[in-house]
């Protein structure tokens, strides 16, 4: 699906608000991690990047999208509901008894491909999917995977990066939500990733950087990456702000595990009807 270019940022603002509303009803969800990725999901699903059919979420010719930072994808729930993967009314029941929308998503949710609880596995699964599709002689479906920068502290990610580069998996696209904060603080103070684009390039990846809150820049970069078949897996490093737009949460070192007060959320929702 593709919406007019002028509407992408408006969609992002709606998704941002709906994410706040979900967290207000279900405070066990991870708000800061979800807010940094809003525009990434909007560009992927509304920007004409992904090929999908909400009526057939597992259609053979779909593009695969692995949300490896599962805890940080509550902001994808409104997108999937809006696109018809499941009813919008389900957003009112996140984390409630009987709902399939939990704090950590899994494939029971239409539109999710994998179990997304333990970090560090999504890139390996996506690499396997891209390699498997190639072995089947199917070069059309693209495979996308969204990770956080803190997730790249996991060694399994680098095993997948090496494998993808070695096999020249140019249908594989890694999107890094580069918000510079992991669970216990700033990533550079825990395990510095340094010149991440250079590190990825050393393993045979094509890399580019983009403002992760600019829907149009994200859309353009993702479409260009998808159209390029040059024997290199692709990585898009999207610079974002964790907890974007929420005072006291945005860019706070421990925002990953902080919950804003209900009064603040109510005020933000009232200001953004």
Foldseek 3Di string as FASTA:
>chain_A
DADPPVCLLVVLLVLLLLLLVLCLLPVVAFRQLQNFQSLVLSLCQHVPQWAADLVCLVPPLTAAEAEQQQSRNSSCVCVSCVRPNDPPVLSNQECHPPRQHYSGHAVVRRNHDGRHDDFLCRLVVQLVVLVVCVVVVHPRHAYEYEEEPLSVVDPSNVVSLLVCQVQLSLSYEYEYSDQQADQQFGSCVVPNCPPVCVVSVVSRAAEDEDASSNNVRSNVVSNVSNVDRDSHHYYYYHHTWGNPPQPPQTNDGNNRPDGDDSVSSVVVSVVSD
